[in-house]
Amino acid sequence: MKPVTPPHPHPGAVHVVFAANQPEYDQLPAVIDAKGLAMTEFELSAEDLATIVNGGRIRLWIWTFRQPLQPVALEVVE
């Protein structure tokens, strides 16, 4: 699974790259809207898809740095 640049933002939203200057992390392209909602997208490899079709699961890791967990959501899009 690899992060990809989300589609063009709607009015008021901008493209950003999280960890752009942090070599210890993988860069994460995102779109952030005026209210602060960040959206990222990931492309699944053929191997990822086969694993899911055969009963695999998607796991979400979140680095909270011992701060309160922010709301998150996962969805499937075309």
C-alpha atoms as a PDB file:
ATOM      1  CA  MET A   1       0.000   0.000   0.000  1.00  0.00           C
ATOM      2  CA  LYS A   2       1.416   3.374  -0.918  1.00  0.00           C
ATOM      3  CA  PRO A   3       0.182   6.918  -0.347  1.00  0.00           C
ATOM      4  CA  VAL A   4      -0.872   8.841  -3.449  1.00  0.00           C
ATOM      5  CA  THR A   5      -1.764  12.490  -4.000  1.00  0.00           C
ATOM      6  CA  PRO A   6      -5.512  12.924  -3.441  1.00  0.00           C
ATOM      7  CA  PRO A   7      -7.653  14.448  -6.204  1.00  0.00           C
ATOM      8  CA  HIS A   8      -7.765  18.194  -6.724  1.00  0.00           C
ATOM      9  CA  PRO A   9      -9.106  19.943  -3.657  1.00  0.00           C
ATOM     10  CA  HIS A  10     -12.469  21.667  -3.600  1.00  0.00           C
ATOM     11  CA  PRO A  11     -12.582  25.463  -3.094  1.00  0.00           C
ATOM     12  CA  GLY A  12     -10.880  26.419   0.144  1.00  0.00           C
ATOM     13  CA  ALA A  13      -8.800  23.241   0.343  1.00  0.00           C
ATOM     14  CA  VAL A  14      -5.077  22.923  -0.320  1.00  0.00           C
ATOM     15  CA  HIS A  15      -2.602  20.160  -1.062  1.00  0.00           C
ATOM     16  CA  VAL A  16       0.061  19.557   1.597  1.00  0.00           C
ATOM     17  CA  VAL A  17       2.720  16.928   2.267  1.00  0.00           C
ATOM     18  CA  PHE A  18       3.055  15.774   5.857  1.00  0.00           C
ATOM     19  CA  ALA A  19       6.626  14.958   6.943  1.00  0.00           C
ATOM     20  CA  ALA A  20       8.037  16.721   3.884  1.00  0.00           C
ATOM     21  CA  ASN A  21      11.122  17.697   5.899  1.00  0.00           C
ATOM     22  CA  GLN A  22      11.255  14.752   8.289  1.00  0.00           C
ATOM     23  CA  PRO A  23      13.435  12.005   6.789  1.00  0.00           C
ATOM     24  CA  GLU A  24      12.625   9.622   9.653  1.00  0.00           C
ATOM     25  CA  TYR A  25       9.021   9.377   8.336  1.00  0.00           C
ATOM     26  CA  ASP A  26       7.518   8.555   4.957  1.00  0.00           C
ATOM     27  CA  GLN A  27       6.019  11.568   3.215  1.00  0.00           C
ATOM     28  CA  LEU A  28       2.225  11.659   3.171  1.00  0.00           C
ATOM     29  CA  PRO A  29       0.437  13.771   0.544  1.00  0.00           C
ATOM     30  CA  ALA A  30      -2.914  15.134   1.695  1.00  0.00           C
ATOM     31  CA  VAL A  31      -5.636  17.684   1.068  1.00  0.00           C
ATOM     32  CA  ILE A  32      -6.720  19.900   3.972  1.00  0.00           C
ATOM     33  CA  ASP A  33      -9.946  21.887   3.878  1.00  0.00           C
ATOM     34  CA  ALA A  34     -10.670  25.217   5.552  1.00  0.00           C
ATOM     35  CA  LYS A  35     -12.056  23.469   8.668  1.00  0.00           C
ATOM     36  CA  GLY A  36      -8.860  21.424   9.129  1.00  0.00           C
ATOM     37  CA  LEU A  37     -10.139  18.095   7.793  1.00  0.00           C
ATOM     38  CA  ALA A  38      -7.196  16.238   6.225  1.00  0.00           C
ATOM     39  CA  MET A  39      -7.762  13.586   3.542  1.00  0.00           C
ATOM     40  CA  THR A  40      -5.181  11.086   2.324  1.00  0.00           C
ATOM     41  CA  GLU A  41      -5.446   8.282  -0.212  1.00  0.00           C
ATOM     42  CA  PHE A  42      -3.588   5.021  -0.647  1.00  0.00           C
ATOM     43  CA  GLU A  43      -3.171   2.769  -3.646  1.00  0.00           C
ATOM     44  CA  LEU A  44      -3.342  -0.965  -2.976  1.00  0.00           C
ATOM     45  CA  SER A  45      -0.953  -3.302  -4.761  1.00  0.00           C
ATOM     46  CA  ALA A  46      -2.168  -6.511  -6.407  1.00  0.00           C
ATOM     47  CA  GLU A  47      -0.723  -8.368  -3.417  1.00  0.00           C
ATOM     48  CA  ASP A  48      -2.649  -6.127  -0.989  1.00  0.00           C
ATOM     49  CA  LEU A  49      -5.882  -6.723  -2.894  1.00  0.00           C
ATOM     50  CA  ALA A  50      -5.346 -10.497  -2.961  1.00  0.00           C
ATOM     51  CA  THR A  51      -4.736 -10.516   0.792  1.00  0.00           C
ATOM     52  CA  ILE A  52      -7.956  -8.596   1.437  1.00  0.00           C
ATOM     53  CA  VAL A  53      -9.991 -10.793  -0.925  1.00  0.00           C
ATOM     54  CA  ASN A  54      -8.692 -13.834   0.955  1.00  0.00           C
ATOM     55  CA  GLY A  55      -9.823 -12.561   4.358  1.00  0.00           C
ATOM     56  CA  GLY A  56      -7.042 -10.114   5.176  1.00  0.00           C
ATOM     57  CA  ARG A  57      -7.694  -6.897   7.082  1.00  0.00           C
ATOM     58  CA  ILE A  58      -6.541  -3.305   6.950  1.00  0.00           C
ATOM     59  CA  ARG A  59      -4.671  -2.083  10.012  1.00  0.00           C
ATOM     60  CA  LEU A  60      -4.382   1.606  10.929  1.00  0.00           C
ATOM     61  CA  TRP A  61      -1.412   2.739  13.027  1.00  0.00           C
ATOM     62  CA  ILE A  62      -1.608   6.201  14.579  1.00  0.00           C
ATOM     63  CA  TRP A  63       1.281   7.908  16.319  1.00  0.00           C
ATOM     64  CA  THR A  64      -0.374   9.917  19.109  1.00  0.00           C
ATOM     65  CA  PHE A  65       2.820  10.850  20.949  1.00  0.00           C
ATOM     66  CA  ARG A  66       0.803  10.286  24.131  1.00  0.00           C
ATOM     67  CA  GLN A  67      -1.748  12.944  23.130  1.00  0.00           C
ATOM     68  CA  PRO A  68      -5.519  12.373  22.798  1.00  0.00           C
ATOM     69  CA  LEU A  69      -6.491  10.360  19.745  1.00  0.00           C
ATOM     70  CA  GLN A  70      -8.115  12.423  17.007  1.00  0.00           C
ATOM     71  CA  PRO A  71     -11.134  11.071  15.109  1.00  0.00           C
ATOM     72  CA  VAL A  72     -10.247   8.984  12.040  1.00  0.00           C
ATOM     73  CA  ALA A  73     -12.243   7.327   9.269  1.00  0.00           C
ATOM     74  CA  LEU A  74     -11.492   4.808   6.510  1.00  0.00           C
ATOM     75  CA  GLU A  75     -13.535   4.418   3.331  1.00  0.00           C
ATOM     76  CA  VAL A  76     -13.325   2.735  -0.064  1.00  0.00           C
ATOM     77  CA  VAL A  77     -13.450   5.003  -3.134  1.00  0.00           C
ATOM     78  CA  GLU A  78     -13.232   4.432  -6.890  1.00  0.00           C
END
